[in-house]
Amino acid sequence: MKIQILGTGCAKCNALMLATEKAAQALGLQYELEKVTDLQQIMAFGVMTTPALAVDGKVKVSGKVPSVDELKTMLQPVNP
Protein backbone atom coordinates (compact mmCIF):
# COMPACT_ATOMS: atom_id res chain seq x y z
CA MET A 1 0.00 0.00 0.00
CA LYS A 2 1.33 3.44 -0.92
CA ILE A 3 0.27 6.26 1.38
CA GLN A 4 0.96 9.83 0.32
CA ILE A 5 0.63 12.93 2.47
CA LEU A 6 0.02 15.91 0.20
CA GLY A 7 1.03 19.24 1.68
CA THR A 8 3.72 21.85 1.96
CA GLY A 9 4.95 20.80 5.39
CA CYS A 10 2.66 22.86 7.61
CA ALA A 11 1.69 21.80 11.14
CA LYS A 12 -1.55 20.18 9.90
CA CYS A 13 0.40 18.25 7.24
CA ASN A 14 2.74 16.91 9.91
CA ALA A 15 -0.21 16.06 12.18
CA LEU A 16 -1.85 14.14 9.33
CA MET A 17 1.37 12.23 8.67
CA LEU A 18 1.75 11.22 12.33
CA ALA A 19 -1.91 10.22 12.69
CA THR A 20 -1.79 8.22 9.44
CA GLU A 21 1.34 6.36 10.55
CA LYS A 22 -0.32 5.58 13.89
CA ALA A 23 -3.45 4.25 12.13
CA ALA A 24 -1.47 2.15 9.63
CA GLN A 25 0.68 0.64 12.38
CA ALA A 26 -2.40 -0.12 14.51
CA LEU A 27 -3.87 -2.02 11.55
CA GLY A 28 -0.58 -3.85 10.99
CA LEU A 29 -0.41 -2.72 7.35
CA GLN A 30 2.56 -3.05 5.04
CA TYR A 31 2.91 0.45 3.66
CA GLU A 32 5.21 2.97 2.04
CA LEU A 33 4.77 6.54 3.25
CA GLU A 34 5.66 9.45 1.00
CA LYS A 35 5.42 13.19 1.62
CA VAL A 36 4.45 15.12 -1.51
CA THR A 37 5.37 18.79 -1.10
CA ASP A 38 5.58 19.90 -4.73
CA LEU A 39 2.56 22.07 -5.57
CA GLN A 40 2.41 20.83 -9.17
CA GLN A 41 2.20 17.21 -7.97
CA ILE A 42 -0.40 18.10 -5.35
CA MET A 43 -2.56 19.87 -7.96
CA ALA A 44 -2.18 16.86 -10.28
CA PHE A 45 -4.21 14.92 -7.69
CA GLY A 46 -6.95 17.55 -8.00
CA VAL A 47 -6.31 18.73 -4.44
CA MET A 48 -6.89 22.41 -3.76
CA THR A 49 -6.75 22.38 0.05
CA THR A 50 -4.05 20.72 2.09
CA PRO A 51 -3.31 18.60 3.93
CA ALA A 52 -4.58 15.67 1.91
CA LEU A 53 -4.20 11.92 2.09
CA ALA A 54 -3.91 9.67 -0.96
CA VAL A 55 -3.91 5.88 -0.74
CA ASP A 56 -2.67 3.99 -3.78
CA GLY A 57 -3.14 7.13 -5.89
CA LYS A 58 -6.71 7.89 -4.74
CA VAL A 59 -7.40 10.95 -2.59
CA LYS A 60 -9.24 9.90 0.57
CA VAL A 61 -9.47 13.25 2.37
CA SER A 62 -8.33 16.83 1.90
CA GLY A 63 -8.43 20.04 3.89
CA LYS A 64 -8.59 18.45 7.35
CA VAL A 65 -6.86 16.08 9.73
CA PRO A 66 -9.16 13.14 10.50
CA SER A 67 -8.95 11.24 13.79
CA VAL A 68 -6.87 8.07 13.97
CA ASP A 69 -10.10 6.02 14.00
CA GLU A 70 -11.36 7.76 10.85
CA LEU A 71 -7.99 7.14 9.22
CA LYS A 72 -8.14 3.44 10.12
CA THR A 73 -11.42 3.23 8.18
CA MET A 74 -9.85 4.99 5.17
CA LEU A 75 -6.80 2.71 5.22
CA GLN A 76 -8.72 -0.54 5.69
CA PRO A 77 -8.06 -2.77 2.68
CA VAL A 78 -11.19 -3.41 0.62
CA ASN A 79 -11.86 -7.09 0.13
CA PRO A 80 -13.95 -7.97 -2.93
PDB file of N, CA and C in Angstrom:
ATOM      1  N   MET A   1       0.851  -1.175   0.000  1.00  0.00           N
ATOM      2  CA  MET A   1       0.000   0.000   0.000  1.00  0.00           C
ATOM      3  C   MET A   1       0.895   1.237   0.000  1.00  0.00           C
ATOM      4  N   LYS A   2       0.582   2.184  -0.862  1.00  0.00           N
ATOM      5  CA  LYS A   2       1.330   3.435  -0.922  1.00  0.00           C
ATOM      6  C   LYS A   2       0.471   4.542  -0.347  1.00  0.00           C
ATOM      7  N   ILE A   3       0.976   5.172   0.712  1.00  0.00           N
ATOM      8  CA  ILE A   3       0.274   6.262   1.380  1.00  0.00           C
ATOM      9  C   ILE A   3       1.045   7.538   1.091  1.00  0.00           C
ATOM     10  N   GLN A   4       0.327   8.554   0.610  1.00  0.00           N
ATOM     11  CA  GLN A   4       0.958   9.835   0.320  1.00  0.00           C
ATOM     12  C   GLN A   4       0.286  10.943   1.114  1.00  0.00           C
ATOM     13  N   ILE A   5       1.113  11.745   1.771  1.00  0.00           N
ATOM     14  CA  ILE A   5       0.634  12.928   2.473  1.00  0.00           C
ATOM     15  C   ILE A   5       0.919  14.104   1.551  1.00  0.00           C
ATOM     16  N   LEU A   6      -0.121  14.791   1.126  1.00  0.00           N
ATOM     17  CA  LEU A   6       0.018  15.910   0.196  1.00  0.00           C
ATOM     18  C   LEU A   6      -0.066  17.210   0.977  1.00  0.00           C
ATOM     19  N   GLY A   7       1.016  17.967   0.972  1.00  0.00           N
ATOM     20  CA  GLY A   7       1.033  19.236   1.683  1.00  0.00           C
ATOM     21  C   GLY A   7       2.415  19.848   1.671  1.00  0.00           C
ATOM     22  N   THR A   8       2.467  21.101   2.048  1.00  0.00           N
ATOM     23  CA  THR A   8       3.719  21.851   1.959  1.00  0.00           C
ATOM     24  C   THR A   8       4.598  21.713   3.194  1.00  0.00           C
ATOM     25  N   GLY A   9       4.148  20.985   4.195  1.00  0.00           N
ATOM     26  CA  GLY A   9       4.955  20.798   5.393  1.00  0.00           C
ATOM     27  C   GLY A   9       4.471  21.608   6.584  1.00  0.00           C
ATOM     28  N   CYS A  10       3.231  22.078   6.515  1.00  0.00           N
ATOM     29  CA  CYS A  10       2.659  22.858   7.613  1.00  0.00           C
ATOM     30  C   CYS A  10       2.370  21.954   8.821  1.00  0.00           C
ATOM     31  N   ALA A  11       1.971  22.563   9.922  1.00  0.00           N
ATOM     32  CA  ALA A  11       1.687  21.802  11.144  1.00  0.00           C
ATOM     33  C   ALA A  11       0.585  20.765  10.922  1.00  0.00           C
ATOM     34  N   LYS A  12      -0.457  21.136  10.167  1.00  0.00           N
ATOM     35  CA  LYS A  12      -1.546  20.183   9.901  1.00  0.00           C
ATOM     36  C   LYS A  12      -1.058  19.019   9.039  1.00  0.00           C
ATOM     37  N   CYS A  13      -0.156  19.313   8.093  1.00  0.00           N
ATOM     38  CA  CYS A  13       0.396  18.252   7.239  1.00  0.00           C
ATOM     39  C   CYS A  13       1.175  17.254   8.094  1.00  0.00           C
ATOM     40  N   ASN A  14       1.965  17.778   9.020  1.00  0.00           N
ATOM     41  CA  ASN A  14       2.741  16.910   9.909  1.00  0.00           C
ATOM     42  C   ASN A  14       1.822  16.116  10.835  1.00  0.00           C
ATOM     43  N   ALA A  15       0.756  16.745  11.317  1.00  0.00           N
ATOM     44  CA  ALA A  15      -0.206  16.060  12.179  1.00  0.00           C
ATOM     45  C   ALA A  15      -0.885  14.927  11.411  1.00  0.00           C
ATOM     46  N   LEU A  16      -1.222  15.175  10.146  1.00  0.00           N
ATOM     47  CA  LEU A  16      -1.850  14.136   9.325  1.00  0.00           C
ATOM     48  C   LEU A  16      -0.882  12.971   9.112  1.00  0.00           C
ATOM     49  N   MET A  17       0.391  13.279   8.880  1.00  0.00           N
ATOM     50  CA  MET A  17       1.367  12.228   8.673  1.00  0.00           C
ATOM     51  C   MET A  17       1.499  11.355   9.925  1.00  0.00           C
ATOM     52  N   LEU A  18       1.608  11.972  11.090  1.00  0.00           N
ATOM     53  CA  LEU A  18       1.754  11.218  12.332  1.00  0.00           C
ATOM     54  C   LEU A  18       0.516  10.369  12.624  1.00  0.00           C
ATOM     55  N   ALA A  19      -0.665  10.950  12.433  1.00  0.00           N
ATOM     56  CA  ALA A  19      -1.910  10.222  12.690  1.00  0.00           C
ATOM     57  C   ALA A  19      -2.072   9.061  11.704  1.00  0.00           C
ATOM     58  N   THR A  20      -1.681   9.273  10.454  1.00  0.00           N
ATOM     59  CA  THR A  20      -1.787   8.220   9.437  1.00  0.00           C
ATOM     60  C   THR A  20      -0.839   7.074   9.765  1.00  0.00           C
ATOM     61  N   GLU A  21       0.375   7.405  10.167  1.00  0.00           N
ATOM     62  CA  GLU A  21       1.338   6.360  10.551  1.00  0.00           C
ATOM     63  C   GLU A  21       0.798   5.550  11.733  1.00  0.00           C
ATOM     64  N   LYS A  22       0.228   6.251  12.711  1.00  0.00           N
ATOM     65  CA  LYS A  22      -0.320   5.578  13.890  1.00  0.00           C
ATOM     66  C   LYS A  22      -1.450   4.625  13.480  1.00  0.00           C
ATOM     67  N   ALA A  23      -2.331   5.081  12.588  1.00  0.00           N
ATOM     68  CA  ALA A  23      -3.451   4.246  12.131  1.00  0.00           C
ATOM     69  C   ALA A  23      -2.949   3.040  11.344  1.00  0.00           C
ATOM     70  N   ALA A  24      -1.998   3.245  10.448  1.00  0.00           N
ATOM     71  CA  ALA A  24      -1.471   2.152   9.628  1.00  0.00           C
ATOM     72  C   ALA A  24      -0.772   1.113  10.496  1.00  0.00           C
ATOM     73  N   GLN A  25      -0.015   1.570  11.485  1.00  0.00           N
ATOM     74  CA  GLN A  25       0.677   0.642  12.382  1.00  0.00           C
ATOM     75  C   GLN A  25      -0.315  -0.125  13.244  1.00  0.00           C
ATOM     76  N   ALA A  26      -1.375   0.548  13.687  1.00  0.00           N
ATOM     77  CA  ALA A  26      -2.399  -0.117  14.508  1.00  0.00           C
ATOM     78  C   ALA A  26      -3.097  -1.222  13.723  1.00  0.00           C
ATOM     79  N   LEU A  27      -3.232  -1.007  12.400  1.00  0.00           N
ATOM     80  CA  LEU A  27      -3.868  -2.023  11.549  1.00  0.00           C
ATOM     81  C   LEU A  27      -2.880  -3.093  11.101  1.00  0.00           C
ATOM     82  N   GLY A  28      -1.601  -2.886  11.388  1.00  0.00           N
ATOM     83  CA  GLY A  28      -0.579  -3.849  10.987  1.00  0.00           C
ATOM     84  C   GLY A  28      -0.363  -3.892   9.483  1.00  0.00           C
ATOM     85  N   LEU A  29      -0.522  -2.764   8.814  1.00  0.00           N
ATOM     86  CA  LEU A  29      -0.410  -2.720   7.354  1.00  0.00           C
ATOM     87  C   LEU A  29       1.045  -2.667   6.897  1.00  0.00           C
ATOM     88  N   GLN A  30       1.296  -3.237   5.734  1.00  0.00           N
ATOM     89  CA  GLN A  30       2.562  -3.054   5.039  1.00  0.00           C
ATOM     90  C   GLN A  30       2.352  -1.817   4.178  1.00  0.00           C
ATOM     91  N   TYR A  31       3.143  -0.777   4.406  1.00  0.00           N
ATOM     92  CA  TYR A  31       2.909   0.454   3.657  1.00  0.00           C
ATOM     93  C   TYR A  31       4.209   1.197   3.387  1.00  0.00           C
ATOM     94  N   GLU A  32       4.127   2.042   2.376  1.00  0.00           N
ATOM     95  CA  GLU A  32       5.212   2.966   2.045  1.00  0.00           C
ATOM     96  C   GLU A  32       4.622   4.350   2.206  1.00  0.00           C
ATOM     97  N   LEU A  33       5.284   5.198   2.992  1.00  0.00           N
ATOM     98  CA  LEU A  33       4.773   6.541   3.253  1.00  0.00           C
ATOM     99  C   LEU A  33       5.627   7.559   2.515  1.00  0.00           C
ATOM    100  N   GLU A  34       4.960   8.437   1.777  1.00  0.00           N
ATOM    101  CA  GLU A  34       5.660   9.452   1.000  1.00  0.00           C
ATOM    102  C   GLU A  34       5.035  10.816   1.282  1.00  0.00           C
ATOM    103  N   LYS A  35       5.896  11.809   1.488  1.00  0.00           N
ATOM    104  CA  LYS A  35       5.416  13.186   1.624  1.00  0.00           C
ATOM    105  C   LYS A  35       5.546  13.854   0.263  1.00  0.00           C
ATOM    106  N   VAL A  36       4.446  14.407  -0.231  1.00  0.00           N
ATOM    107  CA  VAL A  36       4.453  15.123  -1.510  1.00  0.00           C
ATOM    108  C   VAL A  36       4.317  16.602  -1.187  1.00  0.00           C
ATOM    109  N   THR A  37       5.383  17.367  -1.440  1.00  0.00           N
ATOM    110  CA  THR A  37       5.372  18.787  -1.098  1.00  0.00           C
ATOM    111  C   THR A  37       5.356  19.694  -2.333  1.00  0.00           C
ATOM    112  N   ASP A  38       5.564  19.115  -3.498  1.00  0.00           N
ATOM    113  CA  ASP A  38       5.581  19.901  -4.734  1.00  0.00           C
ATOM    114  C   ASP A  38       4.156  20.286  -5.136  1.00  0.00           C
ATOM    115  N   LEU A  39       3.911  21.594  -5.273  1.00  0.00           N
ATOM    116  CA  LEU A  39       2.555  22.066  -5.567  1.00  0.00           C
ATOM    117  C   LEU A  39       2.017  21.531  -6.892  1.00  0.00           C
ATOM    118  N   GLN A  40       2.863  21.375  -7.882  1.00  0.00           N
ATOM    119  CA  GLN A  40       2.414  20.832  -9.167  1.00  0.00           C
ATOM    120  C   GLN A  40       1.905  19.393  -9.001  1.00  0.00           C
ATOM    121  N   GLN A  41       2.630  18.594  -8.219  1.00  0.00           N
ATOM    122  CA  GLN A  41       2.204  17.209  -7.973  1.00  0.00           C
ATOM    123  C   GLN A  41       0.910  17.175  -7.170  1.00  0.00           C
ATOM    124  N   ILE A  42       0.806  18.056  -6.177  1.00  0.00           N
ATOM    125  CA  ILE A  42      -0.404  18.099  -5.350  1.00  0.00           C
ATOM    126  C   ILE A  42      -1.612  18.456  -6.220  1.00  0.00           C
ATOM    127  N   MET A  43      -1.447  19.463  -7.088  1.00  0.00           N
ATOM    128  CA  MET A  43      -2.557  19.870  -7.956  1.00  0.00           C
ATOM    129  C   MET A  43      -2.891  18.783  -8.980  1.00  0.00           C
ATOM    130  N   ALA A  44      -1.921  17.961  -9.342  1.00  0.00           N
ATOM    131  CA  ALA A  44      -2.182  16.864 -10.278  1.00  0.00           C
ATOM    132  C   ALA A  44      -3.163  15.850  -9.683  1.00  0.00           C
ATOM    133  N   PHE A  45      -3.236  15.788  -8.362  1.00  0.00           N
ATOM    134  CA  PHE A  45      -4.212  14.919  -7.690  1.00  0.00           C
ATOM    135  C   PHE A  45      -5.594  15.566  -7.667  1.00  0.00           C
ATOM    136  N   GLY A  46      -5.682  16.841  -8.055  1.00  0.00           N
ATOM    137  CA  GLY A  46      -6.949  17.554  -7.998  1.00  0.00           C
ATOM    138  C   GLY A  46      -7.215  18.153  -6.634  1.00  0.00           C
ATOM    139  N   VAL A  47      -6.176  18.219  -5.803  1.00  0.00           N
ATOM    140  CA  VAL A  47      -6.310  18.728  -4.442  1.00  0.00           C
ATOM    141  C   VAL A  47      -6.079  20.235  -4.439  1.00  0.00           C
ATOM    142  N   MET A  48      -7.024  20.962  -3.857  1.00  0.00           N
ATOM    143  CA  MET A  48      -6.892  22.414  -3.764  1.00  0.00           C
ATOM    144  C   MET A  48      -6.652  22.876  -2.330  1.00  0.00           C
ATOM    145  N   THR A  49      -6.989  22.036  -1.349  1.00  0.00           N
ATOM    146  CA  THR A  49      -6.746  22.383   0.053  1.00  0.00           C
ATOM    147  C   THR A  49      -5.933  21.278   0.707  1.00  0.00           C
ATOM    148  N   THR A  50      -4.893  21.692   1.401  1.00  0.00           N
ATOM    149  CA  THR A  50      -4.045  20.720   2.088  1.00  0.00           C
ATOM    150  C   THR A  50      -4.297  20.833   3.589  1.00  0.00           C
ATOM    151  N   PRO A  51      -3.960  19.824   4.358  1.00  0.00           N
ATOM    152  CA  PRO A  51      -3.309  18.595   3.933  1.00  0.00           C
ATOM    153  C   PRO A  51      -4.295  17.650   3.261  1.00  0.00           C
ATOM    154  N   ALA A  52      -3.746  16.700   2.536  1.00  0.00           N
ATOM    155  CA  ALA A  52      -4.582  15.671   1.909  1.00  0.00           C
ATOM    156  C   ALA A  52      -3.892  14.329   2.047  1.00  0.00           C
ATOM    157  N   LEU A  53      -4.697  13.284   1.977  1.00  0.00           N
ATOM    158  CA  LEU A  53      -4.200  11.921   2.092  1.00  0.00           C
ATOM    159  C   LEU A  53      -4.609  11.154   0.841  1.00  0.00           C
ATOM    160  N   ALA A  54      -3.628  10.528   0.193  1.00  0.00           N
ATOM    161  CA  ALA A  54      -3.913   9.668  -0.961  1.00  0.00           C
ATOM    162  C   ALA A  54      -3.419   8.263  -0.625  1.00  0.00           C
ATOM    163  N   VAL A  55      -4.263   7.289  -0.947  1.00  0.00           N
ATOM    164  CA  VAL A  55      -3.910   5.884  -0.737  1.00  0.00           C
ATOM    165  C   VAL A  55      -3.944   5.195  -2.091  1.00  0.00           C
ATOM    166  N   ASP A  56      -2.810   4.638  -2.477  1.00  0.00           N
ATOM    167  CA  ASP A  56      -2.671   3.985  -3.783  1.00  0.00           C
ATOM    168  C   ASP A  56      -3.168   4.887  -4.917  1.00  0.00           C
ATOM    169  N   GLY A  57      -2.821   6.183  -4.827  1.00  0.00           N
ATOM    170  CA  GLY A  57      -3.141   7.127  -5.893  1.00  0.00           C
ATOM    171  C   GLY A  57      -4.522   7.747  -5.837  1.00  0.00           C
ATOM    172  N   LYS A  58      -5.356   7.345  -4.861  1.00  0.00           N
ATOM    173  CA  LYS A  58      -6.711   7.888  -4.738  1.00  0.00           C
ATOM    174  C   LYS A  58      -6.797   8.782  -3.514  1.00  0.00           C
ATOM    175  N   VAL A  59      -7.275  10.007  -3.707  1.00  0.00           N
ATOM    176  CA  VAL A  59      -7.405  10.947  -2.592  1.00  0.00           C
ATOM    177  C   VAL A  59      -8.550  10.499  -1.690  1.00  0.00           C
ATOM    178  N   LYS A  60      -8.237  10.348  -0.410  1.00  0.00           N
ATOM    179  CA  LYS A  60      -9.243   9.904   0.567  1.00  0.00           C
ATOM    180  C   LYS A  60      -9.829  11.060   1.360  1.00  0.00           C
ATOM    181  N   VAL A  61      -9.011  12.094   1.606  1.00  0.00           N
ATOM    182  CA  VAL A  61      -9.473  13.250   2.374  1.00  0.00           C
ATOM    183  C   VAL A  61      -8.560  14.432   2.055  1.00  0.00           C
ATOM    184  N   SER A  62      -9.149  15.634   2.066  1.00  0.00           N
ATOM    185  CA  SER A  62      -8.325  16.834   1.898  1.00  0.00           C
ATOM    186  C   SER A  62      -8.899  17.969   2.719  1.00  0.00           C
ATOM    187  N   GLY A  63      -8.009  18.852   3.165  1.00  0.00           N
ATOM    188  CA  GLY A  63      -8.428  20.035   3.892  1.00  0.00           C
ATOM    189  C   GLY A  63      -8.659  19.861   5.374  1.00  0.00           C
ATOM    190  N   LYS A  64      -8.414  18.656   5.902  1.00  0.00           N
ATOM    191  CA  LYS A  64      -8.591  18.454   7.345  1.00  0.00           C
ATOM    192  C   LYS A  64      -7.723  17.295   7.814  1.00  0.00           C
ATOM    193  N   VAL A  65      -7.604  17.185   9.126  1.00  0.00           N
ATOM    194  CA  VAL A  65      -6.863  16.079   9.734  1.00  0.00           C
ATOM    195  C   VAL A  65      -7.875  15.192  10.450  1.00  0.00           C
ATOM    196  N   PRO A  66      -8.199  14.041   9.860  1.00  0.00           N
ATOM    197  CA  PRO A  66      -9.165  13.139  10.499  1.00  0.00           C
ATOM    198  C   PRO A  66      -8.566  12.497  11.761  1.00  0.00           C
ATOM    199  N   SER A  67      -9.424  11.951  12.598  1.00  0.00           N
ATOM    200  CA  SER A  67      -8.952  11.238  13.787  1.00  0.00           C
ATOM    201  C   SER A  67      -8.275   9.935  13.357  1.00  0.00           C
ATOM    202  N   VAL A  68      -7.539   9.337  14.264  1.00  0.00           N
ATOM    203  CA  VAL A  68      -6.869   8.065  13.974  1.00  0.00           C
ATOM    204  C   VAL A  68      -7.909   7.006  13.607  1.00  0.00           C
ATOM    205  N   ASP A  69      -9.046   7.002  14.312  1.00  0.00           N
ATOM    206  CA  ASP A  69     -10.097   6.017  14.001  1.00  0.00           C
ATOM    207  C   ASP A  69     -10.665   6.220  12.599  1.00  0.00           C
ATOM    208  N   GLU A  70     -10.875   7.485  12.206  1.00  0.00           N
ATOM    209  CA  GLU A  70     -11.359   7.763  10.850  1.00  0.00           C
ATOM    210  C   GLU A  70     -10.322   7.308   9.818  1.00  0.00           C
ATOM    211  N   LEU A  71      -9.055   7.542  10.130  1.00  0.00           N
ATOM    212  CA  LEU A  71      -7.986   7.139   9.216  1.00  0.00           C
ATOM    213  C   LEU A  71      -7.914   5.620   9.081  1.00  0.00           C
ATOM    214  N   LYS A  72      -8.144   4.913  10.175  1.00  0.00           N
ATOM    215  CA  LYS A  72      -8.142   3.443  10.116  1.00  0.00           C
ATOM    216  C   LYS A  72      -9.186   2.952   9.112  1.00  0.00           C
ATOM    217  N   THR A  73     -10.359   3.590   9.122  1.00  0.00           N
ATOM    218  CA  THR A  73     -11.418   3.227   8.176  1.00  0.00           C
ATOM    219  C   THR A  73     -10.973   3.488   6.746  1.00  0.00           C
ATOM    220  N   MET A  74     -10.314   4.634   6.512  1.00  0.00           N
ATOM    221  CA  MET A  74      -9.848   4.986   5.170  1.00  0.00           C
ATOM    222  C   MET A  74      -8.742   4.056   4.674  1.00  0.00           C
ATOM    223  N   LEU A  75      -7.933   3.545   5.596  1.00  0.00           N
ATOM    224  CA  LEU A  75      -6.800   2.708   5.221  1.00  0.00           C
ATOM    225  C   LEU A  75      -7.145   1.225   5.144  1.00  0.00           C
ATOM    226  N   GLN A  76      -8.307   0.874   5.666  1.00  0.00           N
ATOM    227  CA  GLN A  76      -8.722  -0.540   5.686  1.00  0.00           C
ATOM    228  C   GLN A  76      -8.735  -1.092   4.261  1.00  0.00           C
ATOM    229  N   PRO A  77      -8.029  -2.197   4.028  1.00  0.00           N
ATOM    230  CA  PRO A  77      -8.062  -2.772   2.681  1.00  0.00           C
ATOM    231  C   PRO A  77      -9.476  -3.234   2.322  1.00  0.00           C
ATOM    232  N   VAL A  78      -9.850  -3.006   1.089  1.00  0.00           N
ATOM    233  CA  VAL A  78     -11.187  -3.411   0.624  1.00  0.00           C
ATOM    234  C   VAL A  78     -11.080  -4.818   0.063  1.00  0.00           C
ATOM    235  N   ASN A  79     -11.861  -5.701   0.620  1.00  0.00           N
ATOM    236  CA  ASN A  79     -11.864  -7.089   0.129  1.00  0.00           C
ATOM    237  C   ASN A  79     -13.064  -7.297  -0.776  1.00  0.00           C
ATOM    238  N   PRO A  80     -12.823  -7.773  -1.993  1.00  0.00           N
ATOM    239  CA  PRO A  80     -13.951  -7.969  -2.925  1.00  0.00           C
ATOM    240  C   PRO A  80     -14.899  -9.051  -2.481  1.00  0.00           C
TER     241      PRO A  80
END
